[in-house]
Amino acid sequence: MKKSTVVLFLFLLILVGCDDSSVNVTDEFVPGEVSVKFTESVQKEDAKIFIEDLKLNPIDLSDLDNDKHPNWTLIGVPEGREKFWVKRFNGYSIVEAAELNGIMHAQ
């Protein structure tokens, strides 16, 4: 029984020391920005028109055709209203996902 306790302790010690640096997960987000992933069929121009129709600012549409993070874009929203816009974007059929910029989006 004592040997298994030592093995368990070493396993937990190793587990705590492991780091997955491929994903940037923080408790902070960028104020005034929301990350939005559009469905695969959405083109840059369609996304720009959609965002501007909502009276918002398309910050960076370059990832819409980026192989590393396809269909993601940054959208400028009023500061303090980021969570509202995340919920709202997640309700549109052309949006696959929306999140606070900096919280979960893999870098």
PDB file of N, CA and C in Angstrom:
ATOM      1  N   MET A   1       0.821  -1.187   0.000  1.00  0.00           N
ATOM      2  CA  MET A   1       0.000   0.000   0.000  1.00  0.00           C
ATOM      3  C   MET A   1       0.865   1.250   0.000  1.00  0.00           C
ATOM      4  N   LYS A   2       1.942   1.228   0.688  1.00  0.00           N
ATOM      5  CA  LYS A   2       2.820   2.377   0.789  1.00  0.00           C
ATOM      6  C   LYS A   2       3.477   2.677  -0.564  1.00  0.00           C
ATOM      7  N   LYS A   3       3.867   1.646  -1.297  1.00  0.00           N
ATOM      8  CA  LYS A   3       4.487   1.832  -2.605  1.00  0.00           C
ATOM      9  C   LYS A   3       3.502   2.483  -3.588  1.00  0.00           C
ATOM     10  N   SER A   4       2.259   2.085  -3.554  1.00  0.00           N
ATOM     11  CA  SER A   4       1.260   2.668  -4.461  1.00  0.00           C
ATOM     12  C   SER A   4       1.003   4.137  -4.134  1.00  0.00           C
ATOM     13  N   THR A   5       1.094   4.505  -2.878  1.00  0.00           N
ATOM     14  CA  THR A   5       0.928   5.902  -2.481  1.00  0.00           C
ATOM     15  C   THR A   5       2.056   6.754  -3.046  1.00  0.00           C
ATOM     16  N   VAL A   6       3.279   6.219  -3.001  1.00  0.00           N
ATOM     17  CA  VAL A   6       4.435   6.944  -3.545  1.00  0.00           C
ATOM     18  C   VAL A   6       4.289   7.105  -5.054  1.00  0.00           C
ATOM     19  N   VAL A   7       3.866   6.040  -5.732  1.00  0.00           N
ATOM     20  CA  VAL A   7       3.682   6.094  -7.187  1.00  0.00           C
ATOM     21  C   VAL A   7       2.602   7.114  -7.534  1.00  0.00           C
ATOM     22  N   LEU A   8       1.505   7.112  -6.788  1.00  0.00           N
ATOM     23  CA  LEU A   8       0.433   8.068  -7.022  1.00  0.00           C
ATOM     24  C   LEU A   8       0.927   9.504  -6.810  1.00  0.00           C
ATOM     25  N   PHE A   9       1.690   9.721  -5.758  1.00  0.00           N
ATOM     26  CA  PHE A   9       2.237  11.045  -5.469  1.00  0.00           C
ATOM     27  C   PHE A   9       3.140  11.505  -6.610  1.00  0.00           C
ATOM     28  N   LEU A  10       4.021  10.627  -7.098  1.00  0.00           N
ATOM     29  CA  LEU A  10       4.918  10.994  -8.201  1.00  0.00           C
ATOM     30  C   LEU A  10       4.127  11.292  -9.471  1.00  0.00           C
ATOM     31  N   PHE A  11       3.103  10.495  -9.735  1.00  0.00           N
ATOM     32  CA  PHE A  11       2.269  10.720 -10.905  1.00  0.00           C
ATOM     33  C   PHE A  11       1.601  12.099 -10.835  1.00  0.00           C
ATOM     34  N   LEU A  12       1.034  12.418  -9.680  1.00  0.00           N
ATOM     35  CA  LEU A  12       0.380  13.720  -9.517  1.00  0.00           C
ATOM     36  C   LEU A  12       1.378  14.864  -9.631  1.00  0.00           C
ATOM     37  N   LEU A  13       2.583  14.669  -9.115  1.00  0.00           N
ATOM     38  CA  LEU A  13       3.626  15.686  -9.208  1.00  0.00           C
ATOM     39  C   LEU A  13       4.009  15.942 -10.664  1.00  0.00           C
ATOM     40  N   ILE A  14       4.129  14.880 -11.433  1.00  0.00           N
ATOM     41  CA  ILE A  14       4.456  15.013 -12.858  1.00  0.00           C
ATOM     42  C   ILE A  14       3.292  15.672 -13.597  1.00  0.00           C
ATOM     43  N   LEU A  15       2.087  15.266 -13.270  1.00  0.00           N
ATOM     44  CA  LEU A  15       0.899  15.819 -13.920  1.00  0.00           C
ATOM     45  C   LEU A  15       0.770  17.319 -13.681  1.00  0.00           C
ATOM     46  N   VAL A  16       1.029  17.758 -12.492  1.00  0.00           N
ATOM     47  CA  VAL A  16       0.946  19.175 -12.160  1.00  0.00           C
ATOM     48  C   VAL A  16       2.000  19.966 -12.923  1.00  0.00           C
ATOM     49  N   GLY A  17       3.132  19.384 -13.176  1.00  0.00           N
ATOM     50  CA  GLY A  17       4.217  20.073 -13.878  1.00  0.00           C
ATOM     51  C   GLY A  17       4.052  20.130 -15.374  1.00  0.00           C
ATOM     52  N   CYS A  18       3.103  19.373 -15.941  1.00  0.00           N
ATOM     53  CA  CYS A  18       2.896  19.369 -17.389  1.00  0.00           C
ATOM     54  C   CYS A  18       2.256  20.670 -17.833  1.00  0.00           C
ATOM     55  N   ASP A  19       2.643  21.119 -19.052  1.00  0.00           N
ATOM     56  CA  ASP A  19       2.124  22.373 -19.587  1.00  0.00           C
ATOM     57  C   ASP A  19       1.754  22.175 -21.035  1.00  0.00           C
ATOM     58  N   ASP A  20       0.524  22.556 -21.408  1.00  0.00           N
ATOM     59  CA  ASP A  20       0.110  22.504 -22.803  1.00  0.00           C
ATOM     60  C   ASP A  20       0.220  23.917 -23.352  1.00  0.00           C
ATOM     61  N   SER A  21       1.363  24.234 -23.940  1.00  0.00           N
ATOM     62  CA  SER A  21       1.594  25.593 -24.429  1.00  0.00           C
ATOM     63  C   SER A  21       0.995  25.842 -25.805  1.00  0.00           C
ATOM     64  N   SER A  22       0.334  24.852 -26.396  1.00  0.00           N
ATOM     65  CA  SER A  22      -0.268  25.061 -27.711  1.00  0.00           C
ATOM     66  C   SER A  22      -1.597  25.802 -27.634  1.00  0.00           C
ATOM     67  N   VAL A  23      -2.174  25.925 -26.443  1.00  0.00           N
ATOM     68  CA  VAL A  23      -3.442  26.622 -26.284  1.00  0.00           C
ATOM     69  C   VAL A  23      -3.254  27.761 -25.295  1.00  0.00           C
ATOM     70  N   ASN A  24      -3.703  28.928 -25.686  1.00  0.00           N
ATOM     71  CA  ASN A  24      -3.590  30.103 -24.830  1.00  0.00           C
ATOM     72  C   ASN A  24      -4.914  30.293 -24.091  1.00  0.00           C
ATOM     73  N   VAL A  25      -4.958  29.827 -22.834  1.00  0.00           N
ATOM     74  CA  VAL A  25      -6.154  29.973 -22.031  1.00  0.00           C
ATOM     75  C   VAL A  25      -5.813  30.863 -20.851  1.00  0.00           C
ATOM     76  N   THR A  26      -6.518  31.956 -20.734  1.00  0.00           N
ATOM     77  CA  THR A  26      -6.266  32.888 -19.640  1.00  0.00           C
ATOM     78  C   THR A  26      -7.579  33.271 -18.992  1.00  0.00           C
ATOM     79  N   ASP A  27      -7.493  33.966 -17.891  1.00  0.00           N
ATOM     80  CA  ASP A  27      -8.684  34.483 -17.231  1.00  0.00           C
ATOM     81  C   ASP A  27      -9.043  35.862 -17.769  1.00  0.00           C
ATOM     82  N   GLU A  28      -8.237  36.380 -18.658  1.00  0.00           N
ATOM     83  CA  GLU A  28      -8.447  37.728 -19.162  1.00  0.00           C
ATOM     84  C   GLU A  28      -8.879  37.678 -20.615  1.00  0.00           C
ATOM     85  N   PHE A  29      -9.555  38.741 -21.024  1.00  0.00           N
ATOM     86  CA  PHE A  29      -9.939  38.864 -22.422  1.00  0.00           C
ATOM     87  C   PHE A  29      -9.633  40.276 -22.879  1.00  0.00           C
ATOM     88  N   VAL A  30      -9.667  40.469 -24.172  1.00  0.00           N
ATOM     89  CA  VAL A  30      -9.381  41.778 -24.739  1.00  0.00           C
ATOM     90  C   VAL A  30     -10.681  42.576 -24.756  1.00  0.00           C
ATOM     91  N   PRO A  31     -10.746  43.665 -24.003  1.00  0.00           N
ATOM     92  CA  PRO A  31     -11.966  44.479 -23.983  1.00  0.00           C
ATOM     93  C   PRO A  31     -12.286  45.027 -25.377  1.00  0.00           C
ATOM     94  N   GLY A  32     -13.556  44.982 -25.726  1.00  0.00           N
ATOM     95  CA  GLY A  32     -13.993  45.536 -27.003  1.00  0.00           C
ATOM     96  C   GLY A  32     -13.776  44.631 -28.196  1.00  0.00           C
ATOM     97  N   GLU A  33     -13.422  43.358 -27.942  1.00  0.00           N
ATOM     98  CA  GLU A  33     -13.206  42.416 -29.044  1.00  0.00           C
ATOM     99  C   GLU A  33     -13.879  41.082 -28.753  1.00  0.00           C
ATOM    100  N   VAL A  34     -14.437  40.488 -29.799  1.00  0.00           N
ATOM    101  CA  VAL A  34     -15.021  39.157 -29.724  1.00  0.00           C
ATOM    102  C   VAL A  34     -14.446  38.344 -30.877  1.00  0.00           C
ATOM    103  N   SER A  35     -14.082  37.086 -30.611  1.00  0.00           N
ATOM    104  CA  SER A  35     -13.632  36.173 -31.659  1.00  0.00           C
ATOM    105  C   SER A  35     -14.848  35.416 -32.174  1.00  0.00           C
ATOM    106  N   VAL A  36     -15.007  35.404 -33.487  1.00  0.00           N
ATOM    107  CA  VAL A  36     -16.160  34.738 -34.098  1.00  0.00           C
ATOM    108  C   VAL A  36     -15.664  33.791 -35.179  1.00  0.00           C
ATOM    109  N   LYS A  37     -16.198  32.569 -35.148  1.00  0.00           N
ATOM    110  CA  LYS A  37     -15.902  31.591 -36.198  1.00  0.00           C
ATOM    111  C   LYS A  37     -17.153  31.434 -37.055  1.00  0.00           C
ATOM    112  N   PHE A  38     -17.021  31.837 -38.309  1.00  0.00           N
ATOM    113  CA  PHE A  38     -18.133  31.708 -39.243  1.00  0.00           C
ATOM    114  C   PHE A  38     -18.169  30.302 -39.819  1.00  0.00           C
ATOM    115  N   THR A  39     -19.322  29.910 -40.333  1.00  0.00           N
ATOM    116  CA  THR A  39     -19.432  28.615 -40.993  1.00  0.00           C
ATOM    117  C   THR A  39     -18.531  28.606 -42.230  1.00  0.00           C
ATOM    118  N   GLU A  40     -18.228  27.436 -42.681  1.00  0.00           N
ATOM    119  CA  GLU A  40     -17.268  27.262 -43.775  1.00  0.00           C
ATOM    120  C   GLU A  40     -17.659  27.991 -45.059  1.00  0.00           C
ATOM    121  N   SER A  41     -18.934  28.129 -45.316  1.00  0.00           N
ATOM    122  CA  SER A  41     -19.386  28.724 -46.583  1.00  0.00           C
ATOM    123  C   SER A  41     -19.305  30.251 -46.623  1.00  0.00           C
ATOM    124  N   VAL A  42     -19.053  30.895 -45.492  1.00  0.00           N
ATOM    125  CA  VAL A  42     -19.047  32.358 -45.435  1.00  0.00           C
ATOM    126  C   VAL A  42     -17.750  32.913 -46.034  1.00  0.00           C
ATOM    127  N   GLN A  43     -17.897  33.810 -46.988  1.00  0.00           N
ATOM    128  CA  GLN A  43     -16.756  34.477 -47.620  1.00  0.00           C
ATOM    129  C   GLN A  43     -16.449  35.779 -46.888  1.00  0.00           C
ATOM    130  N   LYS A  44     -15.242  36.321 -47.114  1.00  0.00           N
ATOM    131  CA  LYS A  44     -14.825  37.562 -46.450  1.00  0.00           C
ATOM    132  C   LYS A  44     -15.819  38.698 -46.644  1.00  0.00           C
ATOM    133  N   GLU A  45     -16.235  38.906 -47.857  1.00  0.00           N
ATOM    134  CA  GLU A  45     -17.144  40.019 -48.154  1.00  0.00           C
ATOM    135  C   GLU A  45     -18.487  39.834 -47.446  1.00  0.00           C
ATOM    136  N   ASP A  46     -18.990  38.586 -47.406  1.00  0.00           N
ATOM    137  CA  ASP A  46     -20.248  38.303 -46.707  1.00  0.00           C
ATOM    138  C   ASP A  46     -20.111  38.601 -45.215  1.00  0.00           C
ATOM    139  N   ALA A  47     -18.998  38.199 -44.639  1.00  0.00           N
ATOM    140  CA  ALA A  47     -18.753  38.434 -43.212  1.00  0.00           C
ATOM    141  C   ALA A  47     -18.675  39.932 -42.922  1.00  0.00           C
ATOM    142  N   LYS A  48     -17.977  40.657 -43.790  1.00  0.00           N
ATOM    143  CA  LYS A  48     -17.834  42.105 -43.603  1.00  0.00           C
ATOM    144  C   LYS A  48     -19.203  42.792 -43.639  1.00  0.00           C
ATOM    145  N   ILE A  49     -20.024  42.438 -44.596  1.00  0.00           N
ATOM    146  CA  ILE A  49     -21.365  43.026 -44.715  1.00  0.00           C
ATOM    147  C   ILE A  49     -22.209  42.681 -43.488  1.00  0.00           C
ATOM    148  N   PHE A  50     -22.163  41.423 -43.058  1.00  0.00           N
ATOM    149  CA  PHE A  50     -22.903  40.977 -41.879  1.00  0.00           C
ATOM    150  C   PHE A  50     -22.509  41.794 -40.645  1.00  0.00           C
ATOM    151  N   ILE A  51     -21.213  41.944 -40.430  1.00  0.00           N
ATOM    152  CA  ILE A  51     -20.693  42.684 -39.268  1.00  0.00           C
ATOM    153  C   ILE A  51     -21.096  44.158 -39.339  1.00  0.00           C
ATOM    154  N   GLU A  52     -20.927  44.749 -40.500  1.00  0.00           N
ATOM    155  CA  GLU A  52     -21.267  46.164 -40.650  1.00  0.00           C
ATOM    156  C   GLU A  52     -22.772  46.400 -40.535  1.00  0.00           C
ATOM    157  N   ASP A  53     -23.606  45.437 -40.965  1.00  0.00           N
ATOM    158  CA  ASP A  53     -25.055  45.555 -40.799  1.00  0.00           C
ATOM    159  C   ASP A  53     -25.446  45.588 -39.322  1.00  0.00           C
ATOM    160  N   LEU A  54     -24.616  44.981 -38.475  1.00  0.00           N
ATOM    161  CA  LEU A  54     -24.850  45.007 -37.029  1.00  0.00           C
ATOM    162  C   LEU A  54     -24.267  46.266 -36.389  1.00  0.00           C
ATOM    163  N   LYS A  55     -23.731  47.146 -37.230  1.00  0.00           N
ATOM    164  CA  LYS A  55     -23.099  48.404 -36.774  1.00  0.00           C
ATOM    165  C   LYS A  55     -21.874  48.131 -35.900  1.00  0.00           C
ATOM    166  N   LEU A  56     -21.138  47.073 -36.256  1.00  0.00           N
ATOM    167  CA  LEU A  56     -19.916  46.710 -35.541  1.00  0.00           C
ATOM    168  C   LEU A  56     -18.729  46.865 -36.479  1.00  0.00           C
ATOM    169  N   ASN A  57     -17.527  46.712 -35.925  1.00  0.00           N
ATOM    170  CA  ASN A  57     -16.298  46.929 -36.675  1.00  0.00           C
ATOM    171  C   ASN A  57     -15.555  45.617 -36.918  1.00  0.00           C
ATOM    172  N   PRO A  58     -15.384  45.226 -38.196  1.00  0.00           N
ATOM    173  CA  PRO A  58     -14.560  44.041 -38.457  1.00  0.00           C
ATOM    174  C   PRO A  58     -13.085  44.391 -38.239  1.00  0.00           C
ATOM    175  N   ILE A  59     -12.482  43.875 -37.171  1.00  0.00           N
ATOM    176  CA  ILE A  59     -11.091  44.209 -36.844  1.00  0.00           C
ATOM    177  C   ILE A  59     -10.113  43.462 -37.742  1.00  0.00           C
ATOM    178  N   ASP A  60     -10.324  42.152 -37.893  1.00  0.00           N
ATOM    179  CA  ASP A  60      -9.375  41.351 -38.662  1.00  0.00           C
ATOM    180  C   ASP A  60     -10.119  40.207 -39.336  1.00  0.00           C
ATOM    181  N   LEU A  61     -10.276  40.310 -40.636  1.00  0.00           N
ATOM    182  CA  LEU A  61     -10.945  39.262 -41.411  1.00  0.00           C
ATOM    183  C   LEU A  61      -9.954  38.293 -42.043  1.00  0.00           C
ATOM    184  N   SER A  62      -8.664  38.458 -41.773  1.00  0.00           N
ATOM    185  CA  SER A  62      -7.646  37.667 -42.463  1.00  0.00           C
ATOM    186  C   SER A  62      -7.720  36.182 -42.158  1.00  0.00           C
ATOM    187  N   ASP A  63      -8.181  35.792 -40.960  1.00  0.00           N
ATOM    188  CA  ASP A  63      -8.241  34.373 -40.629  1.00  0.00           C
ATOM    189  C   ASP A  63      -9.399  33.647 -41.298  1.00  0.00           C
ATOM    190  N   LEU A  64     -10.275  34.374 -41.975  1.00  0.00           N
ATOM    191  CA  LEU A  64     -11.369  33.698 -42.666  1.00  0.00           C
ATOM    192  C   LEU A  64     -10.847  32.736 -43.722  1.00  0.00           C
ATOM    193  N   ASP A  65      -9.676  33.021 -44.271  1.00  0.00           N
ATOM    194  CA  ASP A  65      -9.091  32.098 -45.250  1.00  0.00           C
ATOM    195  C   ASP A  65      -7.685  31.662 -44.805  1.00  0.00           C
ATOM    196  N   ASN A  66      -7.480  31.549 -43.515  1.00  0.00           N
ATOM    197  CA  ASN A  66      -6.207  31.121 -42.940  1.00  0.00           C
ATOM    198  C   ASN A  66      -6.300  29.627 -42.638  1.00  0.00           C
ATOM    199  N   ASP A  67      -5.297  28.854 -43.021  1.00  0.00           N
ATOM    200  CA  ASP A  67      -5.320  27.409 -42.793  1.00  0.00           C
ATOM    201  C   ASP A  67      -5.185  27.029 -41.320  1.00  0.00           C
ATOM    202  N   LYS A  68      -4.472  27.850 -40.543  1.00  0.00           N
ATOM    203  CA  LYS A  68      -4.234  27.517 -39.139  1.00  0.00           C
ATOM    204  C   LYS A  68      -5.502  27.694 -38.297  1.00  0.00           C
ATOM    205  N   HIS A  69      -6.231  28.772 -38.492  1.00  0.00           N
ATOM    206  CA  HIS A  69      -7.467  29.051 -37.762  1.00  0.00           C
ATOM    207  C   HIS A  69      -8.552  29.451 -38.758  1.00  0.00           C
ATOM    208  N   PRO A  70      -9.021  28.513 -39.579  1.00  0.00           N
ATOM    209  CA  PRO A  70      -9.970  28.884 -40.628  1.00  0.00           C
ATOM    210  C   PRO A  70     -11.290  29.414 -40.078  1.00  0.00           C
ATOM    211  N   ASN A  71     -11.778  30.439 -40.754  1.00  0.00           N
ATOM    212  CA  ASN A  71     -13.102  31.025 -40.513  1.00  0.00           C
ATOM    213  C   ASN A  71     -13.218  31.858 -39.248  1.00  0.00           C
ATOM    214  N   TRP A  72     -12.107  32.108 -38.530  1.00  0.00           N
ATOM    215  CA  TRP A  72     -12.149  32.974 -37.351  1.00  0.00           C
ATOM    216  C   TRP A  72     -11.908  34.420 -37.754  1.00  0.00           C
ATOM    217  N   THR A  73     -12.531  35.328 -37.042  1.00  0.00           N
ATOM    218  CA  THR A  73     -12.317  36.750 -37.253  1.00  0.00           C
ATOM    219  C   THR A  73     -12.466  37.488 -35.928  1.00  0.00           C
ATOM    220  N   LEU A  74     -11.882  38.654 -35.853  1.00  0.00           N
ATOM    221  CA  LEU A  74     -12.041  39.514 -34.684  1.00  0.00           C
ATOM    222  C   LEU A  74     -13.037  40.609 -35.022  1.00  0.00           C
ATOM    223  N   ILE A  75     -13.961  40.830 -34.092  1.00  0.00           N
ATOM    224  CA  ILE A  75     -14.980  41.843 -34.300  1.00  0.00           C
ATOM    225  C   ILE A  75     -14.944  42.817 -33.130  1.00  0.00           C
ATOM    226  N   GLY A  76     -14.920  44.101 -33.459  1.00  0.00           N
ATOM    227  CA  GLY A  76     -14.951  45.133 -32.439  1.00  0.00           C
ATOM    228  C   GLY A  76     -16.375  45.352 -31.954  1.00  0.00           C
ATOM    229  N   VAL A  77     -16.550  45.302 -30.641  1.00  0.00           N
ATOM    230  CA  VAL A  77     -17.852  45.518 -30.016  1.00  0.00           C
ATOM    231  C   VAL A  77     -17.688  46.582 -28.927  1.00  0.00           C
ATOM    232  N   PRO A  78     -18.761  47.198 -28.480  1.00  0.00           N
ATOM    233  CA  PRO A  78     -18.630  48.191 -27.405  1.00  0.00           C
ATOM    234  C   PRO A  78     -18.053  47.539 -26.135  1.00  0.00           C
ATOM    235  N   GLU A  79     -17.090  48.208 -25.516  1.00  0.00           N
ATOM    236  CA  GLU A  79     -16.498  47.685 -24.285  1.00  0.00           C
ATOM    237  C   GLU A  79     -17.573  47.526 -23.219  1.00  0.00           C
ATOM    238  N   GLY A  80     -17.497  46.422 -22.515  1.00  0.00           N
ATOM    239  CA  GLY A  80     -18.482  46.113 -21.490  1.00  0.00           C
ATOM    240  C   GLY A  80     -19.659  45.308 -22.019  1.00  0.00           C
ATOM    241  N   ARG A  81     -19.752  45.157 -23.345  1.00  0.00           N
ATOM    242  CA  ARG A  81     -20.854  44.426 -23.985  1.00  0.00           C
ATOM    243  C   ARG A  81     -20.360  43.149 -24.667  1.00  0.00           C
ATOM    244  N   GLU A  82     -19.144  42.725 -24.359  1.00  0.00           N
ATOM    245  CA  GLU A  82     -18.552  41.565 -25.016  1.00  0.00           C
ATOM    246  C   GLU A  82     -19.384  40.291 -24.803  1.00  0.00           C
ATOM    247  N   LYS A  83     -19.806  40.021 -23.578  1.00  0.00           N
ATOM    248  CA  LYS A  83     -20.586  38.803 -23.295  1.00  0.00           C
ATOM    249  C   LYS A  83     -21.949  38.838 -23.997  1.00  0.00           C
ATOM    250  N   PHE A  84     -22.559  40.002 -24.051  1.00  0.00           N
ATOM    251  CA  PHE A  84     -23.816  40.153 -24.787  1.00  0.00           C
ATOM    252  C   PHE A  84     -23.632  39.742 -26.247  1.00  0.00           C
ATOM    253  N   TRP A  85     -22.549  40.260 -26.865  1.00  0.00           N
ATOM    254  CA  TRP A  85     -22.314  39.966 -28.279  1.00  0.00           C
ATOM    255  C   TRP A  85     -21.925  38.514 -28.506  1.00  0.00           C
ATOM    256  N   VAL A  86     -21.220  37.894 -27.577  1.00  0.00           N
ATOM    257  CA  VAL A  86     -20.904  36.461 -27.716  1.00  0.00           C
ATOM    258  C   VAL A  86     -22.210  35.673 -27.790  1.00  0.00           C
ATOM    259  N   LYS A  87     -23.120  35.938 -26.876  1.00  0.00           N
ATOM    260  CA  LYS A  87     -24.422  35.242 -26.891  1.00  0.00           C
ATOM    261  C   LYS A  87     -25.177  35.524 -28.183  1.00  0.00           C
ATOM    262  N   ARG A  88     -25.186  36.778 -28.580  1.00  0.00           N
ATOM    263  CA  ARG A  88     -25.927  37.144 -29.793  1.00  0.00           C
ATOM    264  C   ARG A  88     -25.337  36.464 -31.029  1.00  0.00           C
ATOM    265  N   PHE A  89     -24.013  36.502 -31.186  1.00  0.00           N
ATOM    266  CA  PHE A  89     -23.382  35.859 -32.343  1.00  0.00           C
ATOM    267  C   PHE A  89     -23.670  34.363 -32.372  1.00  0.00           C
ATOM    268  N   ASN A  90     -23.657  33.722 -31.221  1.00  0.00           N
ATOM    269  CA  ASN A  90     -23.916  32.284 -31.176  1.00  0.00           C
ATOM    270  C   ASN A  90     -25.333  31.934 -31.599  1.00  0.00           C
ATOM    271  N   GLY A  91     -26.206  32.921 -31.713  1.00  0.00           N
ATOM    272  CA  GLY A  91     -27.576  32.695 -32.167  1.00  0.00           C
ATOM    273  C   GLY A  91     -27.765  32.782 -33.673  1.00  0.00           C
ATOM    274  N   TYR A  92     -26.742  33.222 -34.398  1.00  0.00           N
ATOM    275  CA  TYR A  92     -26.858  33.351 -35.859  1.00  0.00           C
ATOM    276  C   TYR A  92     -26.440  32.058 -36.545  1.00  0.00           C
ATOM    277  N   SER A  93     -27.184  31.693 -37.598  1.00  0.00           N
ATOM    278  CA  SER A  93     -26.896  30.429 -38.296  1.00  0.00           C
ATOM    279  C   SER A  93     -25.572  30.460 -39.057  1.00  0.00           C
ATOM    280  N   ILE A  94     -25.072  31.636 -39.407  1.00  0.00           N
ATOM    281  CA  ILE A  94     -23.803  31.695 -40.143  1.00  0.00           C
ATOM    282  C   ILE A  94     -22.592  31.702 -39.207  1.00  0.00           C
ATOM    283  N   VAL A  95     -22.850  31.660 -37.904  1.00  0.00           N
ATOM    284  CA  VAL A  95     -21.767  31.647 -36.915  1.00  0.00           C
ATOM    285  C   VAL A  95     -21.683  30.261 -36.302  1.00  0.00           C
ATOM    286  N   GLU A  96     -20.477  29.693 -36.370  1.00  0.00           N
ATOM    287  CA  GLU A  96     -20.238  28.375 -35.778  1.00  0.00           C
ATOM    288  C   GLU A  96     -19.908  28.494 -34.285  1.00  0.00           C
ATOM    289  N   ALA A  97     -19.182  29.537 -33.921  1.00  0.00           N
ATOM    290  CA  ALA A  97     -18.802  29.742 -32.518  1.00  0.00           C
ATOM    291  C   ALA A  97     -18.444  31.203 -32.306  1.00  0.00           C
ATOM    292  N   ALA A  98     -18.628  31.655 -31.061  1.00  0.00           N
ATOM    293  CA  ALA A  98     -18.208  33.007 -30.683  1.00  0.00           C
ATOM    294  C   ALA A  98     -17.728  32.941 -29.244  1.00  0.00           C
ATOM    295  N   GLU A  99     -16.672  33.705 -28.946  1.00  0.00           N
ATOM    296  CA  GLU A  99     -16.118  33.705 -27.596  1.00  0.00           C
ATOM    297  C   GLU A  99     -15.402  35.017 -27.324  1.00  0.00           C
ATOM    298  N   LEU A 100     -15.176  35.282 -26.059  1.00  0.00           N
ATOM    299  CA  LEU A 100     -14.405  36.461 -25.686  1.00  0.00           C
ATOM    300  C   LEU A 100     -13.008  36.307 -26.252  1.00  0.00           C
ATOM    301  N   ASN A 101     -12.477  37.328 -26.876  1.00  0.00           N
ATOM    302  CA  ASN A 101     -11.150  37.240 -27.475  1.00  0.00           C
ATOM    303  C   ASN A 101     -10.099  37.079 -26.387  1.00  0.00           C
ATOM    304  N   GLY A 102      -9.315  35.993 -26.463  1.00  0.00           N
ATOM    305  CA  GLY A 102      -8.238  35.743 -25.513  1.00  0.00           C
ATOM    306  C   GLY A 102      -8.558  34.677 -24.500  1.00  0.00           C
ATOM    307  N   ILE A 103      -9.814  34.277 -24.369  1.00  0.00           N
ATOM    308  CA  ILE A 103     -10.173  33.293 -23.345  1.00  0.00           C
ATOM    309  C   ILE A 103      -9.846  31.868 -23.785  1.00  0.00           C
ATOM    310  N   MET A 104     -10.385  31.420 -24.904  1.00  0.00           N
ATOM    311  CA  MET A 104     -10.255  30.024 -25.263  1.00  0.00           C
ATOM    312  C   MET A 104      -9.663  29.771 -26.631  1.00  0.00           C
ATOM    313  N   HIS A 105      -9.656  30.724 -27.482  1.00  0.00           N
ATOM    314  CA  HIS A 105      -9.209  30.517 -28.858  1.00  0.00           C
ATOM    315  C   HIS A 105      -7.754  30.075 -28.901  1.00  0.00           C
ATOM    316  N   ALA A 106      -7.490  28.920 -29.488  1.00  0.00           N
ATOM    317  CA  ALA A 106      -6.125  28.397 -29.573  1.00  0.00           C
ATOM    318  C   ALA A 106      -5.258  29.351 -30.392  1.00  0.00           C
ATOM    319  N   GLN A 107      -4.064  29.598 -29.934  1.00  0.00           N
ATOM    320  CA  GLN A 107      -3.139  30.496 -30.618  1.00  0.00           C
ATOM    321  C   GLN A 107      -2.163  29.713 -31.450  1.00  0.00           C
TER     322      GLN A 107
END
